[in-house]
Amino acid sequence: MIKLFVFDLGNVILPFEHRQIAVKLHEVSLIKDRCTPEDIFRYLFDREKGFVNAYEEGRLSTKDFFRKIKERYKLELEPEEFKDIWNDIFEEDTAVSEIILYLKERGYPIVLLSNTNELHFSYVMERFPIIHHFDEWILSFEVGAKKPREEIYNMVFETRSFERHEALYIDDIPEYVAAAAGYGIPGIVFKEAADIWKVIRENCV
């Protein structure tokens, strides 16, 4: 029986597309003839080597992150303009939000486990009230580790008496769900809200 629900943020609760950022940054680059939006996308968001990893692990401040990108691509951009481009990528999957409210009303602990960064999460807190229904946020830029590293998954259980097999982890990235399973945490690869409802019907009283 499931006693604890652990949600990823991006493309589960809040659908988004990073490529929008790369396209908009390319538009304001003074060297756009020497790079493409795809070049910028790979530089920033490659899962293994992307520059964003340092920012999402808290190893770079927002100020330094912006400065380095601006210098690399010669961006005609002020910090507030960069902030708007960086943040204006999210929308809410209201079907998933309904599940979160359903679980909260029935007393299930719900935890957010997210690879994210200071700019994005500050924006999410202001823009999407659903985020405030969680019992805890475990955020990569605050804890200094990103999924699929084991330590960030372990933090879910540090202040809770649940066994790992009593949790359900929900993420859109198969690699992260597989990592959780390797650490003893059952999970599902999210495609749509119906996937979560099916598990709830089968495993919750």
N, C-alpha and C. Protein backbone atom coordinates (compact mmCIF):
# COMPACT_ATOMS: atom_id res chain seq x y z
N MET A 1 0.84 -1.20 0.00
CA MET A 1 0.00 0.00 0.00
C MET A 1 0.88 1.25 0.00
N ILE A 2 0.51 2.22 -0.80
CA ILE A 2 1.28 3.46 -0.88
C ILE A 2 0.91 4.38 0.28
N LYS A 3 1.93 4.89 0.97
CA LYS A 3 1.71 5.80 2.08
C LYS A 3 2.32 7.19 1.85
N LEU A 4 3.15 7.31 0.84
CA LEU A 4 3.88 8.56 0.58
C LEU A 4 4.01 8.75 -0.93
N PHE A 5 3.71 9.95 -1.42
CA PHE A 5 3.82 10.26 -2.84
C PHE A 5 4.93 11.29 -3.06
N VAL A 6 5.79 10.99 -4.03
CA VAL A 6 6.92 11.86 -4.35
C VAL A 6 6.80 12.26 -5.82
N PHE A 7 6.65 13.55 -6.06
CA PHE A 7 6.44 14.07 -7.41
C PHE A 7 7.67 14.81 -7.92
N ASP A 8 7.98 14.57 -9.18
CA ASP A 8 8.85 15.48 -9.93
C ASP A 8 8.04 16.72 -10.27
N LEU A 9 8.74 17.80 -10.63
CA LEU A 9 8.06 19.06 -10.97
C LEU A 9 7.86 19.22 -12.48
N GLY A 10 8.96 19.38 -13.21
CA GLY A 10 8.87 19.69 -14.63
C GLY A 10 8.37 18.54 -15.47
N ASN A 11 7.41 18.83 -16.33
CA ASN A 11 6.78 17.86 -17.22
C ASN A 11 6.02 16.76 -16.49
N VAL A 12 5.73 17.02 -15.22
CA VAL A 12 4.75 16.23 -14.47
C VAL A 12 3.67 17.20 -13.99
N ILE A 13 4.04 18.08 -13.09
CA ILE A 13 3.09 19.10 -12.60
C ILE A 13 3.05 20.29 -13.56
N LEU A 14 4.23 20.68 -14.02
CA LEU A 14 4.34 21.86 -14.90
C LEU A 14 5.02 21.46 -16.21
N PRO A 15 4.25 21.24 -17.27
CA PRO A 15 4.87 21.02 -18.58
C PRO A 15 5.72 22.22 -19.00
N PHE A 16 6.83 21.95 -19.67
CA PHE A 16 7.71 23.03 -20.12
C PHE A 16 8.56 22.54 -21.28
N GLU A 17 9.23 23.47 -21.95
CA GLU A 17 10.15 23.14 -23.04
C GLU A 17 11.34 24.07 -22.98
N HIS A 18 12.52 23.50 -22.67
CA HIS A 18 13.74 24.30 -22.59
C HIS A 18 14.14 24.94 -23.91
N ARG A 19 13.74 24.36 -25.01
CA ARG A 19 14.17 24.88 -26.31
C ARG A 19 13.68 26.30 -26.55
N GLN A 20 12.58 26.67 -25.92
CA GLN A 20 12.10 28.05 -26.03
C GLN A 20 13.18 29.03 -25.57
N ILE A 21 13.87 28.66 -24.51
CA ILE A 21 14.92 29.53 -23.97
C ILE A 21 16.03 29.69 -24.99
N ALA A 22 16.48 28.57 -25.56
CA ALA A 22 17.58 28.62 -26.52
C ALA A 22 17.22 29.48 -27.73
N VAL A 23 16.01 29.35 -28.21
CA VAL A 23 15.58 30.14 -29.38
C VAL A 23 15.60 31.63 -29.05
N LYS A 24 15.08 32.00 -27.90
CA LYS A 24 14.99 33.41 -27.54
C LYS A 24 16.38 34.00 -27.25
N LEU A 25 17.26 33.22 -26.65
CA LEU A 25 18.62 33.72 -26.41
C LEU A 25 19.36 33.91 -27.74
N HIS A 26 19.15 33.01 -28.67
CA HIS A 26 19.78 33.14 -29.98
C HIS A 26 19.34 34.44 -30.66
N GLU A 27 18.08 34.81 -30.48
CA GLU A 27 17.56 36.01 -31.12
C GLU A 27 18.27 37.29 -30.65
N VAL A 28 18.79 37.28 -29.43
CA VAL A 28 19.43 38.49 -28.88
C VAL A 28 20.95 38.35 -28.82
N SER A 29 21.48 37.33 -29.49
CA SER A 29 22.93 37.13 -29.52
C SER A 29 23.56 37.95 -30.63
N LEU A 30 24.71 38.57 -30.32
CA LEU A 30 25.46 39.31 -31.33
C LEU A 30 26.30 38.40 -32.21
N ILE A 31 26.36 37.12 -31.87
CA ILE A 31 27.13 36.17 -32.68
C ILE A 31 26.21 35.08 -33.23
N LYS A 32 24.97 35.42 -33.50
CA LYS A 32 24.00 34.42 -33.98
C LYS A 32 24.40 33.79 -35.30
N ASP A 33 25.28 34.44 -36.04
CA ASP A 33 25.75 33.85 -37.29
C ASP A 33 26.77 32.75 -37.04
N ARG A 34 27.26 32.65 -35.79
CA ARG A 34 28.26 31.63 -35.45
C ARG A 34 27.73 30.54 -34.54
N CYS A 35 26.46 30.58 -34.24
CA CYS A 35 25.85 29.55 -33.41
C CYS A 35 24.39 29.40 -33.82
N THR A 36 23.78 28.32 -33.38
CA THR A 36 22.37 28.07 -33.66
C THR A 36 21.63 27.90 -32.34
N PRO A 37 20.30 27.98 -32.36
CA PRO A 37 19.55 27.67 -31.14
C PRO A 37 19.88 26.29 -30.59
N GLU A 38 20.13 25.34 -31.48
CA GLU A 38 20.46 23.98 -31.04
C GLU A 38 21.80 23.96 -30.31
N ASP A 39 22.77 24.76 -30.78
CA ASP A 39 24.06 24.87 -30.08
C ASP A 39 23.86 25.38 -28.66
N ILE A 40 23.04 26.39 -28.52
CA ILE A 40 22.77 26.98 -27.20
C ILE A 40 22.05 25.97 -26.32
N PHE A 41 21.08 25.28 -26.91
CA PHE A 41 20.34 24.27 -26.15
C PHE A 41 21.28 23.20 -25.60
N ARG A 42 22.14 22.67 -26.46
CA ARG A 42 23.06 21.61 -26.01
C ARG A 42 24.01 22.12 -24.94
N TYR A 43 24.54 23.32 -25.14
CA TYR A 43 25.47 23.89 -24.16
C TYR A 43 24.81 24.02 -22.79
N LEU A 44 23.58 24.48 -22.78
CA LEU A 44 22.91 24.72 -21.51
C LEU A 44 22.33 23.45 -20.89
N PHE A 45 21.69 22.61 -21.72
CA PHE A 45 20.78 21.61 -21.16
C PHE A 45 21.15 20.16 -21.43
N ASP A 46 22.30 19.89 -22.02
CA ASP A 46 22.72 18.50 -22.15
C ASP A 46 22.68 17.84 -20.77
N ARG A 47 22.05 16.67 -20.67
CA ARG A 47 21.81 16.08 -19.35
C ARG A 47 23.10 15.76 -18.60
N GLU A 48 24.12 15.37 -19.33
CA GLU A 48 25.38 15.02 -18.68
C GLU A 48 26.32 16.22 -18.52
N LYS A 49 26.43 17.06 -19.56
CA LYS A 49 27.46 18.10 -19.59
C LYS A 49 26.92 19.52 -19.61
N GLY A 50 25.61 19.67 -19.55
CA GLY A 50 25.01 20.99 -19.69
C GLY A 50 25.47 21.97 -18.62
N PHE A 51 25.66 23.22 -19.04
CA PHE A 51 26.12 24.27 -18.11
C PHE A 51 25.13 24.48 -16.97
N VAL A 52 23.86 24.19 -17.24
CA VAL A 52 22.83 24.39 -16.21
C VAL A 52 23.05 23.48 -15.01
N ASN A 53 23.78 22.38 -15.19
CA ASN A 53 23.97 21.45 -14.07
C ASN A 53 24.62 22.12 -12.87
N ALA A 54 25.62 22.94 -13.11
CA ALA A 54 26.29 23.62 -12.00
C ALA A 54 25.33 24.56 -11.28
N TYR A 55 24.48 25.21 -12.03
CA TYR A 55 23.48 26.12 -11.45
C TYR A 55 22.44 25.34 -10.66
N GLU A 56 22.04 24.19 -11.18
CA GLU A 56 21.01 23.40 -10.52
C GLU A 56 21.55 22.59 -9.35
N GLU A 57 22.85 22.56 -9.19
CA GLU A 57 23.44 21.95 -7.99
C GLU A 57 23.91 23.00 -7.00
N GLY A 58 23.58 24.26 -7.26
CA GLY A 58 23.92 25.33 -6.33
C GLY A 58 25.38 25.72 -6.35
N ARG A 59 26.12 25.32 -7.40
CA ARG A 59 27.55 25.66 -7.49
C ARG A 59 27.80 26.97 -8.20
N LEU A 60 26.76 27.55 -8.76
CA LEU A 60 26.83 28.86 -9.41
C LEU A 60 25.69 29.72 -8.90
N SER A 61 25.97 30.98 -8.59
CA SER A 61 24.91 31.92 -8.23
C SER A 61 24.13 32.30 -9.48
N THR A 62 22.94 32.84 -9.28
CA THR A 62 22.15 33.33 -10.42
C THR A 62 22.92 34.41 -11.17
N LYS A 63 23.56 35.30 -10.43
CA LYS A 63 24.32 36.39 -11.05
C LYS A 63 25.43 35.84 -11.94
N ASP A 64 26.19 34.87 -11.45
CA ASP A 64 27.31 34.32 -12.23
C ASP A 64 26.81 33.48 -13.40
N PHE A 65 25.72 32.78 -13.19
CA PHE A 65 25.13 31.99 -14.27
C PHE A 65 24.75 32.88 -15.44
N PHE A 66 24.05 33.96 -15.15
CA PHE A 66 23.66 34.90 -16.21
C PHE A 66 24.89 35.52 -16.87
N ARG A 67 25.85 35.94 -16.06
CA ARG A 67 27.04 36.62 -16.60
C ARG A 67 27.80 35.73 -17.57
N LYS A 68 27.96 34.47 -17.23
CA LYS A 68 28.73 33.56 -18.07
C LYS A 68 28.01 33.28 -19.40
N ILE A 69 26.70 33.13 -19.34
CA ILE A 69 25.94 32.91 -20.58
C ILE A 69 25.98 34.17 -21.45
N LYS A 70 25.82 35.31 -20.82
CA LYS A 70 25.85 36.57 -21.56
C LYS A 70 27.20 36.76 -22.26
N GLU A 71 28.27 36.45 -21.56
CA GLU A 71 29.61 36.59 -22.15
C GLU A 71 29.83 35.60 -23.28
N ARG A 72 29.40 34.36 -23.09
CA ARG A 72 29.65 33.32 -24.10
C ARG A 72 28.95 33.63 -25.42
N TYR A 73 27.70 34.10 -25.32
CA TYR A 73 26.90 34.31 -26.53
C TYR A 73 26.70 35.79 -26.88
N LYS A 74 27.44 36.65 -26.19
CA LYS A 74 27.37 38.09 -26.47
C LYS A 74 25.91 38.56 -26.56
N LEU A 75 25.21 38.36 -25.46
CA LEU A 75 23.77 38.65 -25.43
C LEU A 75 23.51 40.13 -25.17
N GLU A 76 22.64 40.71 -25.96
CA GLU A 76 22.16 42.07 -25.70
C GLU A 76 20.95 41.95 -24.78
N LEU A 77 21.26 41.81 -23.48
CA LEU A 77 20.22 41.41 -22.54
C LEU A 77 20.58 41.88 -21.13
N GLU A 78 19.62 42.46 -20.45
CA GLU A 78 19.80 42.82 -19.05
C GLU A 78 19.28 41.68 -18.15
N PRO A 79 19.71 41.66 -16.88
CA PRO A 79 19.30 40.56 -16.00
C PRO A 79 17.79 40.31 -15.94
N GLU A 80 16.99 41.37 -15.86
CA GLU A 80 15.54 41.18 -15.78
C GLU A 80 14.97 40.60 -17.08
N GLU A 81 15.57 40.98 -18.19
CA GLU A 81 15.12 40.43 -19.47
C GLU A 81 15.49 38.95 -19.57
N PHE A 82 16.68 38.61 -19.10
CA PHE A 82 17.08 37.21 -19.07
C PHE A 82 16.13 36.42 -18.18
N LYS A 83 15.81 36.97 -17.03
CA LYS A 83 14.89 36.31 -16.09
C LYS A 83 13.57 35.97 -16.76
N ASP A 84 13.03 36.91 -17.52
CA ASP A 84 11.76 36.67 -18.21
C ASP A 84 11.87 35.54 -19.24
N ILE A 85 12.95 35.56 -20.01
CA ILE A 85 13.16 34.50 -21.00
C ILE A 85 13.33 33.16 -20.31
N TRP A 86 14.11 33.14 -19.25
CA TRP A 86 14.42 31.90 -18.54
C TRP A 86 13.17 31.28 -17.90
N ASN A 87 12.28 32.12 -17.41
CA ASN A 87 11.14 31.62 -16.63
C ASN A 87 9.87 31.38 -17.43
N ASP A 88 9.72 32.05 -18.55
CA ASP A 88 8.45 32.02 -19.26
C ASP A 88 8.33 30.76 -20.12
N ILE A 89 8.39 29.61 -19.46
CA ILE A 89 8.33 28.34 -20.20
C ILE A 89 7.32 27.37 -19.59
N PHE A 90 6.74 27.70 -18.45
CA PHE A 90 5.91 26.75 -17.71
C PHE A 90 4.42 26.99 -17.90
N GLU A 91 3.68 25.90 -17.85
CA GLU A 91 2.24 25.97 -17.68
C GLU A 91 1.86 24.86 -16.69
N GLU A 92 0.62 24.84 -16.26
CA GLU A 92 0.21 23.88 -15.23
C GLU A 92 -0.64 22.77 -15.84
N ASP A 93 -0.32 21.53 -15.48
CA ASP A 93 -1.18 20.40 -15.83
C ASP A 93 -2.23 20.30 -14.72
N THR A 94 -3.39 20.87 -14.96
CA THR A 94 -4.40 20.95 -13.91
C THR A 94 -4.92 19.57 -13.51
N ALA A 95 -4.83 18.61 -14.41
CA ALA A 95 -5.25 17.25 -14.06
C ALA A 95 -4.35 16.66 -12.98
N VAL A 96 -3.06 16.97 -13.05
CA VAL A 96 -2.14 16.50 -12.02
C VAL A 96 -2.35 17.30 -10.72
N SER A 97 -2.60 18.58 -10.85
CA SER A 97 -2.88 19.39 -9.66
C SER A 97 -4.09 18.86 -8.91
N GLU A 98 -5.09 18.39 -9.63
CA GLU A 98 -6.27 17.80 -8.98
C GLU A 98 -5.90 16.57 -8.17
N ILE A 99 -4.96 15.78 -8.67
CA ILE A 99 -4.50 14.60 -7.93
C ILE A 99 -3.79 15.02 -6.65
N ILE A 100 -2.95 16.03 -6.76
CA ILE A 100 -2.23 16.52 -5.58
C ILE A 100 -3.21 16.99 -4.51
N LEU A 101 -4.22 17.73 -4.91
CA LEU A 101 -5.23 18.20 -3.95
C LEU A 101 -6.02 17.02 -3.37
N TYR A 102 -6.33 16.04 -4.18
CA TYR A 102 -7.04 14.84 -3.73
C TYR A 102 -6.23 14.13 -2.65
N LEU A 103 -4.94 13.94 -2.90
CA LEU A 103 -4.07 13.25 -1.94
C LEU A 103 -3.93 14.06 -0.65
N LYS A 104 -3.77 15.36 -0.81
CA LYS A 104 -3.62 16.24 0.35
C LYS A 104 -4.86 16.19 1.23
N GLU A 105 -6.03 16.23 0.63
CA GLU A 105 -7.28 16.20 1.39
C GLU A 105 -7.45 14.89 2.16
N ARG A 106 -6.84 13.84 1.67
CA ARG A 106 -6.96 12.53 2.32
C ARG A 106 -5.79 12.22 3.23
N GLY A 107 -4.95 13.20 3.44
CA GLY A 107 -3.91 13.08 4.46
C GLY A 107 -2.64 12.38 4.03
N TYR A 108 -2.47 12.14 2.74
CA TYR A 108 -1.23 11.51 2.28
C TYR A 108 -0.09 12.53 2.27
N PRO A 109 1.06 12.19 2.81
CA PRO A 109 2.22 13.08 2.67
C PRO A 109 2.63 13.16 1.20
N ILE A 110 2.92 14.37 0.74
CA ILE A 110 3.37 14.55 -0.64
C ILE A 110 4.63 15.41 -0.63
N VAL A 111 5.63 14.93 -1.37
CA VAL A 111 6.96 15.56 -1.40
C VAL A 111 7.29 15.91 -2.85
N LEU A 112 7.89 17.07 -3.03
CA LEU A 112 8.40 17.48 -4.33
C LEU A 112 9.89 17.19 -4.39
N LEU A 113 10.32 16.47 -5.41
CA LEU A 113 11.73 16.13 -5.60
C LEU A 113 12.13 16.59 -6.99
N SER A 114 12.91 17.67 -7.06
CA SER A 114 13.10 18.32 -8.35
C SER A 114 14.54 18.75 -8.62
N ASN A 115 15.00 18.47 -9.85
CA ASN A 115 16.19 19.11 -10.38
C ASN A 115 15.76 20.48 -10.89
N THR A 116 16.13 21.53 -10.18
CA THR A 116 15.68 22.86 -10.56
C THR A 116 16.70 23.89 -10.10
N ASN A 117 16.38 25.15 -10.30
CA ASN A 117 17.33 26.22 -9.99
C ASN A 117 16.60 27.39 -9.33
N GLU A 118 17.38 28.31 -8.82
CA GLU A 118 16.82 29.42 -8.04
C GLU A 118 15.84 30.26 -8.84
N LEU A 119 16.18 30.63 -10.05
CA LEU A 119 15.28 31.46 -10.85
C LEU A 119 13.97 30.74 -11.14
N HIS A 120 14.05 29.51 -11.59
CA HIS A 120 12.83 28.78 -11.92
C HIS A 120 11.95 28.58 -10.71
N PHE A 121 12.55 28.17 -9.59
CA PHE A 121 11.69 27.83 -8.46
C PHE A 121 11.10 29.08 -7.81
N SER A 122 11.83 30.17 -7.81
CA SER A 122 11.25 31.42 -7.30
C SER A 122 10.03 31.81 -8.13
N TYR A 123 10.15 31.66 -9.44
CA TYR A 123 9.03 31.97 -10.34
C TYR A 123 7.85 31.03 -10.08
N VAL A 124 8.14 29.74 -9.94
CA VAL A 124 7.09 28.75 -9.71
C VAL A 124 6.34 29.04 -8.41
N MET A 125 7.06 29.40 -7.37
CA MET A 125 6.42 29.71 -6.08
C MET A 125 5.44 30.87 -6.20
N GLU A 126 5.80 31.85 -7.02
CA GLU A 126 4.94 33.03 -7.18
C GLU A 126 3.76 32.77 -8.11
N ARG A 127 3.98 31.93 -9.10
CA ARG A 127 3.00 31.80 -10.20
C ARG A 127 2.02 30.64 -10.02
N PHE A 128 2.43 29.58 -9.34
CA PHE A 128 1.63 28.36 -9.30
C PHE A 128 1.34 27.95 -7.85
N PRO A 129 0.17 28.32 -7.33
CA PRO A 129 -0.17 28.03 -5.93
C PRO A 129 -0.14 26.55 -5.56
N ILE A 130 -0.31 25.67 -6.54
CA ILE A 130 -0.34 24.23 -6.22
C ILE A 130 0.93 23.80 -5.51
N ILE A 131 2.02 24.50 -5.78
CA ILE A 131 3.30 24.09 -5.20
C ILE A 131 3.30 24.21 -3.68
N HIS A 132 2.43 25.04 -3.15
CA HIS A 132 2.39 25.27 -1.71
C HIS A 132 1.57 24.22 -0.97
N HIS A 133 1.03 23.25 -1.68
CA HIS A 133 0.29 22.15 -1.04
C HIS A 133 1.20 20.99 -0.67
N PHE A 134 2.45 21.06 -1.06
CA PHE A 134 3.39 19.98 -0.72
C PHE A 134 3.84 20.09 0.73
N ASP A 135 4.14 18.94 1.32
CA ASP A 135 4.66 18.91 2.69
C ASP A 135 6.14 19.28 2.74
N GLU A 136 6.84 19.02 1.66
CA GLU A 136 8.28 19.34 1.63
C GLU A 136 8.73 19.49 0.19
N TRP A 137 9.66 20.40 -0.01
CA TRP A 137 10.35 20.55 -1.29
C TRP A 137 11.79 20.10 -1.11
N ILE A 138 12.24 19.16 -1.92
CA ILE A 138 13.65 18.78 -1.96
C ILE A 138 14.16 19.21 -3.33
N LEU A 139 14.98 20.26 -3.33
CA LEU A 139 15.35 20.95 -4.56
C LEU A 139 16.85 20.83 -4.78
N SER A 140 17.24 20.45 -5.97
CA SER A 140 18.65 20.17 -6.24
C SER A 140 19.55 21.34 -5.92
N PHE A 141 19.14 22.56 -6.26
CA PHE A 141 20.03 23.71 -6.07
C PHE A 141 20.21 24.05 -4.59
N GLU A 142 19.28 23.59 -3.76
CA GLU A 142 19.41 23.82 -2.31
C GLU A 142 20.20 22.73 -1.63
N VAL A 143 20.10 21.49 -2.11
CA VAL A 143 20.75 20.37 -1.42
C VAL A 143 22.07 19.96 -2.06
N GLY A 144 22.40 20.55 -3.23
CA GLY A 144 23.70 20.30 -3.85
C GLY A 144 23.83 18.96 -4.55
N ALA A 145 22.71 18.39 -4.96
CA ALA A 145 22.75 17.12 -5.69
C ALA A 145 21.55 17.04 -6.62
N LYS A 146 21.77 16.43 -7.78
CA LYS A 146 20.71 16.24 -8.76
C LYS A 146 20.37 14.76 -8.91
N LYS A 147 19.14 14.47 -9.26
CA LYS A 147 18.81 13.13 -9.70
C LYS A 147 19.63 12.82 -10.95
N PRO A 148 20.15 11.63 -11.10
CA PRO A 148 19.81 10.42 -10.37
C PRO A 148 20.76 10.05 -9.22
N ARG A 149 21.45 11.00 -8.62
CA ARG A 149 22.35 10.68 -7.50
C ARG A 149 21.54 10.20 -6.30
N GLU A 150 22.05 9.18 -5.65
CA GLU A 150 21.29 8.53 -4.58
C GLU A 150 20.97 9.46 -3.42
N GLU A 151 21.90 10.38 -3.10
CA GLU A 151 21.70 11.20 -1.91
C GLU A 151 20.44 12.05 -1.95
N ILE A 152 20.04 12.50 -3.15
CA ILE A 152 18.85 13.34 -3.20
C ILE A 152 17.59 12.51 -2.96
N TYR A 153 17.59 11.27 -3.41
CA TYR A 153 16.45 10.38 -3.12
C TYR A 153 16.41 10.04 -1.62
N ASN A 154 17.57 9.85 -1.02
CA ASN A 154 17.62 9.51 0.40
C ASN A 154 16.98 10.58 1.27
N MET A 155 17.06 11.83 0.83
CA MET A 155 16.55 12.94 1.63
C MET A 155 15.04 12.86 1.85
N VAL A 156 14.35 12.16 0.97
CA VAL A 156 12.90 11.99 1.15
C VAL A 156 12.60 11.30 2.47
N PHE A 157 13.47 10.41 2.89
CA PHE A 157 13.19 9.56 4.04
C PHE A 157 13.92 9.96 5.31
N GLU A 158 14.71 11.01 5.24
CA GLU A 158 15.51 11.38 6.40
C GLU A 158 14.68 11.79 7.61
N THR A 159 13.54 12.42 7.38
CA THR A 159 12.70 12.88 8.50
C THR A 159 11.38 12.13 8.55
N ARG A 160 11.31 10.97 7.89
CA ARG A 160 10.07 10.22 7.84
C ARG A 160 10.32 8.77 8.24
N SER A 161 9.30 8.14 8.80
CA SER A 161 9.43 6.76 9.28
C SER A 161 8.97 5.74 8.24
N PHE A 162 8.63 6.19 7.04
CA PHE A 162 8.16 5.27 6.01
C PHE A 162 9.30 4.42 5.48
N GLU A 163 8.94 3.20 5.09
CA GLU A 163 9.88 2.36 4.35
C GLU A 163 9.87 2.80 2.88
N ARG A 164 10.96 2.54 2.20
CA ARG A 164 11.05 2.98 0.81
C ARG A 164 9.97 2.35 -0.07
N HIS A 165 9.65 1.10 0.20
CA HIS A 165 8.67 0.42 -0.64
C HIS A 165 7.25 0.96 -0.43
N GLU A 166 7.06 1.81 0.56
CA GLU A 166 5.75 2.41 0.81
C GLU A 166 5.55 3.73 0.06
N ALA A 167 6.56 4.16 -0.67
CA ALA A 167 6.49 5.40 -1.44
C ALA A 167 6.18 5.11 -2.90
N LEU A 168 5.67 6.12 -3.58
CA LEU A 168 5.54 6.08 -5.04
C LEU A 168 6.21 7.33 -5.59
N TYR A 169 7.17 7.11 -6.49
CA TYR A 169 7.90 8.20 -7.12
C TYR A 169 7.38 8.39 -8.54
N ILE A 170 7.06 9.62 -8.92
CA ILE A 170 6.45 9.93 -10.21
C ILE A 170 7.35 10.91 -10.96
N ASP A 171 7.87 10.48 -12.11
CA ASP A 171 8.79 11.32 -12.90
C ASP A 171 8.58 11.02 -14.38
N ASP A 172 8.81 12.01 -15.23
CA ASP A 172 8.67 11.79 -16.67
C ASP A 172 9.92 11.21 -17.30
N ILE A 173 11.03 11.15 -16.57
CA ILE A 173 12.29 10.69 -17.14
C ILE A 173 12.55 9.25 -16.70
N PRO A 174 12.52 8.29 -17.63
CA PRO A 174 12.69 6.88 -17.25
C PRO A 174 13.96 6.61 -16.45
N GLU A 175 15.05 7.30 -16.80
CA GLU A 175 16.32 7.09 -16.09
C GLU A 175 16.19 7.38 -14.60
N TYR A 176 15.42 8.39 -14.25
CA TYR A 176 15.28 8.77 -12.85
C TYR A 176 14.35 7.82 -12.10
N VAL A 177 13.36 7.31 -12.80
CA VAL A 177 12.48 6.30 -12.20
C VAL A 177 13.25 5.00 -11.98
N ALA A 178 14.07 4.63 -12.95
CA ALA A 178 14.89 3.43 -12.81
C ALA A 178 15.90 3.58 -11.67
N ALA A 179 16.48 4.77 -11.53
CA ALA A 179 17.41 5.01 -10.43
C ALA A 179 16.70 4.84 -9.09
N ALA A 180 15.51 5.42 -8.97
CA ALA A 180 14.74 5.29 -7.74
C ALA A 180 14.48 3.82 -7.42
N ALA A 181 14.10 3.05 -8.43
CA ALA A 181 13.85 1.62 -8.22
C ALA A 181 15.10 0.92 -7.72
N GLY A 182 16.25 1.33 -8.26
CA GLY A 182 17.51 0.75 -7.80
C GLY A 182 17.82 1.06 -6.35
N TYR A 183 17.26 2.15 -5.85
CA TYR A 183 17.43 2.53 -4.45
C TYR A 183 16.27 2.02 -3.58
N GLY A 184 15.41 1.18 -4.17
CA GLY A 184 14.33 0.57 -3.41
C GLY A 184 13.03 1.36 -3.37
N ILE A 185 12.90 2.36 -4.26
CA ILE A 185 11.71 3.22 -4.27
C ILE A 185 10.91 2.93 -5.53
N PRO A 186 9.70 2.39 -5.41
CA PRO A 186 8.88 2.12 -6.59
C PRO A 186 8.49 3.42 -7.29
N GLY A 187 8.32 3.35 -8.59
CA GLY A 187 7.96 4.56 -9.32
C GLY A 187 7.23 4.26 -10.60
N ILE A 188 6.71 5.31 -11.21
CA ILE A 188 6.10 5.20 -12.53
C ILE A 188 6.65 6.31 -13.42
N VAL A 189 6.77 6.00 -14.70
CA VAL A 189 7.16 7.01 -15.69
C VAL A 189 5.88 7.72 -16.11
N PHE A 190 5.83 9.00 -15.82
CA PHE A 190 4.62 9.79 -16.07
C PHE A 190 4.43 10.09 -17.55
N LYS A 191 3.22 9.86 -18.02
CA LYS A 191 2.82 10.31 -19.35
C LYS A 191 1.56 11.17 -19.28
N GLU A 192 0.63 10.78 -18.40
CA GLU A 192 -0.59 11.56 -18.22
C GLU A 192 -1.17 11.25 -16.85
N ALA A 193 -2.10 12.12 -16.40
CA ALA A 193 -2.66 12.00 -15.06
C ALA A 193 -3.33 10.64 -14.84
N ALA A 194 -3.89 10.08 -15.89
CA ALA A 194 -4.56 8.78 -15.76
C ALA A 194 -3.61 7.71 -15.23
N ASP A 195 -2.32 7.83 -15.53
CA ASP A 195 -1.34 6.87 -15.03
C ASP A 195 -1.30 6.87 -13.51
N ILE A 196 -1.37 8.07 -12.93
CA ILE A 196 -1.32 8.18 -11.47
C ILE A 196 -2.63 7.69 -10.85
N TRP A 197 -3.75 8.07 -11.45
CA TRP A 197 -5.05 7.62 -10.92
C TRP A 197 -5.12 6.10 -10.90
N LYS A 198 -4.60 5.45 -11.90
CA LYS A 198 -4.62 3.98 -11.96
C LYS A 198 -3.89 3.39 -10.77
N VAL A 199 -2.72 3.93 -10.45
CA VAL A 199 -1.95 3.42 -9.33
C VAL A 199 -2.66 3.71 -8.01
N ILE A 200 -3.27 4.88 -7.90
CA ILE A 200 -4.01 5.22 -6.68
C ILE A 200 -5.16 4.24 -6.47
N ARG A 201 -5.91 3.96 -7.51
CA ARG A 201 -7.05 3.05 -7.38
C ARG A 201 -6.61 1.65 -6.97
N GLU A 202 -5.44 1.25 -7.45
CA GLU A 202 -4.98 -0.12 -7.19
C GLU A 202 -4.23 -0.28 -5.88
N ASN A 203 -3.73 0.83 -5.32
CA ASN A 203 -2.80 0.70 -4.19
C ASN A 203 -3.12 1.55 -2.97
N CYS A 204 -4.20 2.31 -3.01
CA CYS A 204 -4.55 3.15 -1.87
C CYS A 204 -5.92 2.77 -1.33
N VAL A 205 -6.03 2.82 -0.02
CA VAL A 205 -7.30 2.49 0.62
C VAL A 205 -8.29 3.63 0.40
